[in-house]
Amino acid sequence: MKARIRHFYEIIAGMLLSLLGFTSCNKGDGKDNPYKDIKDEYGMPHADYVIQGTVTSADDNKPIKGIKATLRRLQYVENGKKYYEEMPFTTDGEGKVNGSFQAFPLGDEEIDVLLEDVDGAENGYFMGKRLPKADLNISLDDSKKGSWYTGKYTISFEASLYEEAPAEYGMPHAKYKIIGTVTVQEGNPIPGLEILAKLWQTNQNPEEGEPMEPGQTNASGKFSLEGTAMPEAVGVHLELNDIDGEQNGGLFESAKADAQLEKQGEGDGNWFDGTFGATLDVQLKKAE
């Protein structure tokens, strides 16, 4: 709810500034930018952002050009659906992302970077990847902090993508579905919890597995995550976090859980290896 209110505030503030005739002039450090001066004078919290990243091939460590890297920032959740503010960038010939923009200061909201191969065969076919906040390096330079200006955030990352065959030639893959229920120790369901899942392979640290798209528990405390990935995964690692504060029954401690994947549906004998899944029922303790 706080994120949604903040998002609304940003929109209204932007409209008011536009009516006054002020807009953002550049994507640099804010110099010669009247929008920055007006925000300082009239009281709109803001910050500069720099995003830097490198994307290479996991097969030969060569840079990958043309990968879309979208910085996503969670704005609010409504009826279990997440709404993001998105800022897209594209890797250059050296596989690098280097961009800047201005936005509301960072809080403790969810952010991630979504990597997608959007140029087809031009620079090869690569599997997409999501980099959660834990895989991003985020720093704040507040040496020029002002009344409403927070400073400059630098968000950096390094990622490697696996090459895949184009669809017409086939690509080994499997479908995964993770379901479960989260309750408090007394048995009551806990809605509104963030569910993070990673698919891990044999001899791999579960916490370093391939991330799935995150989800949330519904009013009945149930969750369901689905995705497609390479067929080598043998287990799933969950992290459960209370992200709505005192809502939905109070504060709860974070928890982790692991489960082995079981085959639930057969493949087609070609590139589709089948459907795999796991069911986890987790109990959380109330935070002291």
Protein backbone atom coordinates (compact mmCIF):
# COMPACT_ATOMS: atom_id res chain seq x y z
CA MET A 1 0.00 0.00 0.00
CA LYS A 2 2.84 2.42 0.88
CA ALA A 3 4.48 1.76 -2.50
CA ARG A 4 1.19 2.40 -4.29
CA ILE A 5 0.68 5.69 -2.46
CA ARG A 6 4.24 6.69 -3.26
CA HIS A 7 3.72 5.82 -6.92
CA PHE A 8 0.59 8.00 -6.94
CA TYR A 9 2.59 10.80 -5.31
CA GLU A 10 5.26 10.57 -8.00
CA ILE A 11 2.67 10.84 -10.76
CA ILE A 12 0.94 13.88 -9.18
CA ALA A 13 4.27 15.59 -8.49
CA GLY A 14 5.40 14.98 -12.06
CA MET A 15 2.14 16.41 -13.43
CA LEU A 16 2.46 19.54 -11.29
CA LEU A 17 6.05 20.08 -12.40
CA SER A 18 5.05 19.61 -16.03
CA LEU A 19 2.35 22.26 -15.64
CA LEU A 20 5.00 24.61 -14.31
CA GLY A 21 7.03 23.98 -17.45
CA PHE A 22 9.81 21.86 -16.01
CA THR A 23 11.02 18.53 -17.39
CA SER A 24 14.09 16.38 -17.12
CA CYS A 25 16.76 17.62 -19.53
CA ASN A 26 19.29 14.85 -19.45
CA LYS A 27 20.25 11.51 -17.98
CA GLY A 28 23.50 12.67 -16.48
CA ASP A 29 24.47 13.94 -13.06
CA GLY A 30 21.74 16.54 -12.85
CA LYS A 31 23.88 19.51 -13.92
CA ASP A 32 21.98 22.14 -15.97
CA ASN A 33 18.78 20.26 -15.16
CA PRO A 34 16.02 22.69 -14.02
CA TYR A 35 13.83 19.73 -13.01
CA LYS A 36 16.35 18.84 -10.29
CA ASP A 37 16.39 22.44 -8.99
CA ILE A 38 12.59 22.65 -8.85
CA LYS A 39 12.37 19.30 -7.04
CA ASP A 40 14.79 20.62 -4.42
CA GLU A 41 12.83 23.86 -4.04
CA TYR A 42 9.30 22.46 -3.93
CA GLY A 43 10.02 19.30 -1.96
CA MET A 44 9.88 16.20 -4.13
CA PRO A 45 12.12 13.38 -2.83
CA HIS A 46 14.38 12.19 -5.64
CA ALA A 47 17.69 10.52 -6.44
CA ASP A 48 20.01 9.90 -9.36
CA TYR A 49 20.57 6.34 -10.54
CA VAL A 50 23.38 4.75 -12.52
CA ILE A 51 23.02 1.18 -13.75
CA GLN A 52 26.10 -0.74 -14.89
CA GLY A 53 26.27 -4.36 -15.92
CA THR A 54 28.03 -6.97 -18.00
CA VAL A 55 26.38 -9.93 -19.71
CA THR A 56 28.47 -12.78 -21.10
CA SER A 57 27.94 -16.24 -22.50
CA ALA A 58 28.17 -19.04 -19.93
CA ASP A 59 29.55 -21.29 -22.66
CA ASP A 60 32.59 -19.29 -23.81
CA ASN A 61 32.59 -16.16 -21.59
CA LYS A 62 32.21 -13.87 -24.63
CA PRO A 63 30.16 -10.66 -24.30
CA ILE A 64 26.59 -10.75 -25.60
CA LYS A 65 25.21 -7.81 -27.55
CA GLY A 66 21.52 -6.97 -27.78
CA ILE A 67 20.32 -8.37 -24.44
CA LYS A 68 17.46 -6.38 -22.94
CA ALA A 69 18.17 -5.63 -19.28
CA THR A 70 15.11 -4.27 -17.48
CA LEU A 71 15.48 -2.80 -14.01
CA ARG A 72 12.18 -3.52 -12.27
CA ARG A 73 10.98 -1.88 -9.07
CA LEU A 74 7.89 -3.17 -7.30
CA GLN A 75 5.26 -0.44 -6.96
CA TYR A 76 2.33 -2.31 -5.41
CA VAL A 77 0.50 -5.64 -5.29
CA GLU A 78 -3.19 -5.94 -6.07
CA ASN A 79 -5.17 -9.18 -5.98
CA GLY A 80 -1.94 -11.14 -5.89
CA LYS A 81 -0.57 -9.47 -9.05
CA LYS A 82 2.62 -7.43 -8.88
CA TYR A 83 2.93 -4.10 -10.65
CA TYR A 84 6.43 -2.86 -11.48
CA GLU A 85 8.04 0.38 -12.54
CA GLU A 86 10.36 -0.65 -15.39
CA MET A 87 13.47 0.96 -16.84
CA PRO A 88 14.82 -0.95 -19.90
CA PHE A 89 18.41 -0.89 -21.19
CA THR A 90 20.27 -2.88 -23.88
CA THR A 91 23.76 -4.36 -23.85
CA ASP A 92 26.26 -2.93 -26.34
CA GLY A 93 28.89 -4.70 -28.44
CA GLU A 94 30.95 -5.38 -25.33
CA GLY A 95 28.00 -6.89 -23.50
CA LYS A 96 27.78 -3.88 -21.21
CA VAL A 97 24.87 -1.86 -19.83
CA ASN A 98 25.58 1.72 -18.83
CA GLY A 99 22.68 4.09 -18.22
CA SER A 100 21.31 6.70 -15.85
CA PHE A 101 17.99 8.21 -14.82
CA GLN A 102 16.23 10.01 -11.98
CA ALA A 103 13.50 8.53 -9.77
CA PHE A 104 12.11 8.33 -6.25
CA PRO A 105 14.72 7.21 -3.63
CA LEU A 106 15.07 3.51 -2.92
CA GLY A 107 13.41 1.97 0.11
CA ASP A 108 13.16 -1.67 1.11
CA GLU A 109 10.92 -2.59 -1.83
CA GLU A 110 11.64 -5.49 -4.19
CA ILE A 111 13.85 -4.71 -7.17
CA ASP A 112 15.40 -6.99 -9.76
CA VAL A 113 16.91 -7.05 -13.25
CA LEU A 114 15.26 -9.13 -15.97
CA LEU A 115 17.54 -10.25 -18.80
CA GLU A 116 15.90 -11.19 -22.12
CA ASP A 117 17.21 -12.09 -25.57
CA VAL A 118 14.98 -9.98 -27.81
CA ASP A 119 16.94 -9.76 -31.07
CA GLY A 120 16.39 -13.32 -32.33
CA ALA A 121 19.24 -14.92 -34.22
CA GLU A 122 21.19 -11.68 -34.72
CA ASN A 123 23.56 -12.25 -31.80
CA GLY A 124 22.74 -15.87 -31.03
CA TYR A 125 19.95 -17.42 -28.97
CA PHE A 126 20.26 -17.17 -25.19
CA MET A 127 18.05 -18.15 -22.30
CA GLY A 128 16.65 -15.34 -20.18
CA LYS A 129 17.44 -14.83 -16.51
CA ARG A 130 16.13 -12.91 -13.51
CA LEU A 131 18.61 -11.31 -11.12
CA PRO A 132 17.00 -10.76 -7.71
CA LYS A 133 18.04 -7.94 -5.38
CA ALA A 134 20.51 -10.25 -3.63
CA ASP A 135 22.47 -10.61 -6.91
CA LEU A 136 22.75 -6.85 -7.45
CA ASN A 137 25.44 -4.58 -6.01
CA ILE A 138 23.73 -1.41 -4.76
CA SER A 139 25.61 1.54 -3.31
CA LEU A 140 24.62 5.10 -2.39
CA ASP A 141 26.80 8.19 -2.68
CA ASP A 142 25.12 10.78 -0.46
CA SER A 143 28.01 13.24 -0.38
CA LYS A 144 25.82 15.81 -2.20
CA LYS A 145 22.67 15.02 -0.24
CA GLY A 146 20.22 17.92 0.05
CA SER A 147 16.85 18.62 1.64
CA TRP A 148 14.99 16.48 -0.91
CA TYR A 149 17.86 15.00 -2.89
CA THR A 150 18.98 11.63 -1.49
CA GLY A 151 22.11 11.18 -3.61
CA LYS A 152 23.28 8.86 -6.37
CA TYR A 153 22.59 5.14 -6.38
CA THR A 154 24.82 2.85 -8.40
CA ILE A 155 23.33 -0.53 -9.30
CA SER A 156 25.75 -2.98 -10.89
CA PHE A 157 25.68 -6.63 -11.87
CA GLU A 158 27.47 -9.37 -13.77
CA ALA A 159 25.54 -12.20 -15.39
CA SER A 160 26.14 -15.12 -17.72
CA LEU A 161 23.48 -16.62 -19.98
CA TYR A 162 23.32 -20.09 -21.46
CA GLU A 163 22.94 -20.45 -25.19
CA GLU A 164 19.85 -22.19 -26.46
CA ALA A 165 18.77 -23.63 -29.77
CA PRO A 166 16.07 -21.73 -31.67
CA ALA A 167 12.58 -23.14 -31.21
CA GLU A 168 12.47 -24.73 -34.65
CA TYR A 169 15.49 -26.87 -33.79
CA GLY A 170 14.33 -27.75 -30.30
CA MET A 171 15.62 -26.95 -26.83
CA PRO A 172 15.71 -29.30 -23.84
CA HIS A 173 13.31 -27.94 -21.24
CA ALA A 174 10.92 -28.90 -18.48
CA LYS A 175 7.99 -27.27 -16.75
CA TYR A 176 8.01 -26.73 -13.00
CA LYS A 177 5.14 -26.08 -10.60
CA ILE A 178 5.65 -25.39 -6.90
CA ILE A 179 2.60 -25.17 -4.65
CA GLY A 180 2.06 -24.96 -0.91
CA THR A 181 0.39 -23.39 2.09
CA VAL A 182 1.85 -21.14 4.76
CA THR A 183 0.32 -21.00 8.23
CA VAL A 184 1.14 -19.72 11.67
CA GLN A 185 1.86 -22.34 14.32
CA GLU A 186 -1.76 -22.25 15.49
CA GLY A 187 -2.85 -23.31 11.99
CA ASN A 188 -4.24 -20.02 10.66
CA PRO A 189 -3.23 -19.12 7.07
CA ILE A 190 -0.90 -16.17 6.43
CA PRO A 191 -1.73 -14.08 3.33
CA GLY A 192 0.54 -11.54 1.68
CA LEU A 193 3.86 -13.34 2.17
CA GLU A 194 6.55 -13.04 -0.49
CA ILE A 195 7.61 -16.43 -1.88
CA LEU A 196 11.03 -16.69 -3.57
CA ALA A 197 11.98 -19.97 -5.22
CA LYS A 198 15.20 -21.31 -6.73
CA LEU A 199 15.58 -24.54 -8.71
CA TRP A 200 18.78 -26.36 -7.79
CA GLN A 201 20.74 -29.16 -9.39
CA THR A 202 22.66 -32.10 -7.95
CA ASN A 203 25.77 -31.00 -5.97
CA GLN A 204 24.64 -27.37 -6.10
CA ASN A 205 24.04 -25.11 -3.11
CA PRO A 206 20.22 -24.74 -3.08
CA GLU A 207 20.52 -21.01 -2.35
CA GLU A 208 22.50 -20.57 -5.59
CA GLY A 209 19.90 -22.22 -7.83
CA GLU A 210 18.08 -20.70 -10.82
CA PRO A 211 15.46 -18.16 -9.60
CA MET A 212 11.82 -18.59 -10.56
CA GLU A 213 9.39 -15.69 -10.87
CA PRO A 214 8.42 -14.74 -7.28
CA GLY A 215 4.90 -15.01 -5.93
CA GLN A 216 2.73 -14.33 -2.88
CA THR A 217 0.37 -16.24 -0.62
CA ASN A 218 -3.33 -15.56 -1.18
CA ALA A 219 -6.06 -15.03 1.42
CA SER A 220 -5.99 -18.76 2.22
CA GLY A 221 -2.22 -18.77 2.72
CA LYS A 222 -1.71 -20.73 -0.51
CA PHE A 223 0.84 -20.07 -3.26
CA SER A 224 1.56 -21.42 -6.71
CA LEU A 225 4.69 -20.77 -8.77
CA GLU A 226 5.15 -21.97 -12.35
CA GLY A 227 8.00 -21.71 -14.82
CA THR A 228 10.03 -23.32 -17.58
CA ALA A 229 13.74 -24.07 -17.26
CA MET A 230 16.43 -26.56 -18.21
CA PRO A 231 15.57 -30.13 -17.15
CA GLU A 232 18.52 -30.68 -14.77
CA ALA A 233 16.79 -29.33 -11.62
CA VAL A 234 16.26 -31.89 -8.85
CA GLY A 235 15.02 -29.69 -6.00
CA VAL A 236 13.51 -26.35 -5.03
CA HIS A 237 14.62 -23.89 -2.35
CA LEU A 238 12.06 -21.47 -0.89
CA GLU A 239 12.51 -18.24 1.03
CA LEU A 240 9.42 -16.78 2.71
CA ASN A 241 9.35 -13.13 3.78
CA ASP A 242 6.74 -10.97 5.50
CA ILE A 243 6.66 -7.83 3.34
CA ASP A 244 3.42 -6.16 4.47
CA GLY A 245 4.38 -5.26 8.02
CA GLU A 246 1.62 -5.47 10.62
CA GLN A 247 -1.04 -6.32 8.04
CA ASN A 248 -2.49 -9.83 7.73
CA GLY A 249 -1.99 -10.91 11.32
CA GLY A 250 1.17 -9.11 12.40
CA LEU A 251 4.88 -9.58 11.83
CA PHE A 252 6.31 -13.03 11.07
CA GLU A 253 9.87 -14.32 11.00
CA SER A 254 11.37 -15.16 7.61
CA ALA A 255 11.86 -18.84 6.85
CA LYS A 256 13.52 -21.19 4.35
CA ALA A 257 12.42 -24.59 3.11
CA ASP A 258 13.70 -27.17 0.62
CA ALA A 259 12.03 -30.04 -1.20
CA GLN A 260 12.89 -32.63 -3.83
CA LEU A 261 11.13 -32.33 -7.18
CA GLU A 262 8.94 -35.18 -8.37
CA LYS A 263 7.96 -35.95 -11.93
CA GLN A 264 4.28 -35.22 -12.45
CA GLY A 265 3.88 -35.47 -16.21
CA GLU A 266 5.67 -37.18 -19.09
CA GLY A 267 7.58 -35.41 -21.83
CA ASP A 268 7.06 -35.66 -25.57
CA GLY A 269 10.09 -37.85 -26.31
CA ASN A 270 11.85 -34.98 -28.06
CA TRP A 271 12.86 -31.74 -26.35
CA PHE A 272 10.21 -31.49 -23.63
CA ASP A 273 11.35 -33.52 -20.63
CA GLY A 274 8.06 -33.37 -18.72
CA THR A 275 6.49 -31.61 -15.76
CA PHE A 276 8.07 -31.59 -12.30
CA GLY A 277 6.71 -30.26 -9.06
CA ALA A 278 6.77 -30.10 -5.30
CA THR A 279 4.35 -29.31 -2.50
CA LEU A 280 5.55 -27.53 0.62
CA ASP A 281 3.52 -26.69 3.71
CA VAL A 282 5.40 -24.26 5.91
CA GLN A 283 4.72 -22.87 9.36
CA LEU A 284 6.06 -19.47 10.43
CA LYS A 285 6.67 -18.06 13.88
CA LYS A 286 5.49 -14.62 14.89
CA ALA A 287 8.33 -12.13 15.23
CA GLU A 288 9.15 -11.21 18.81
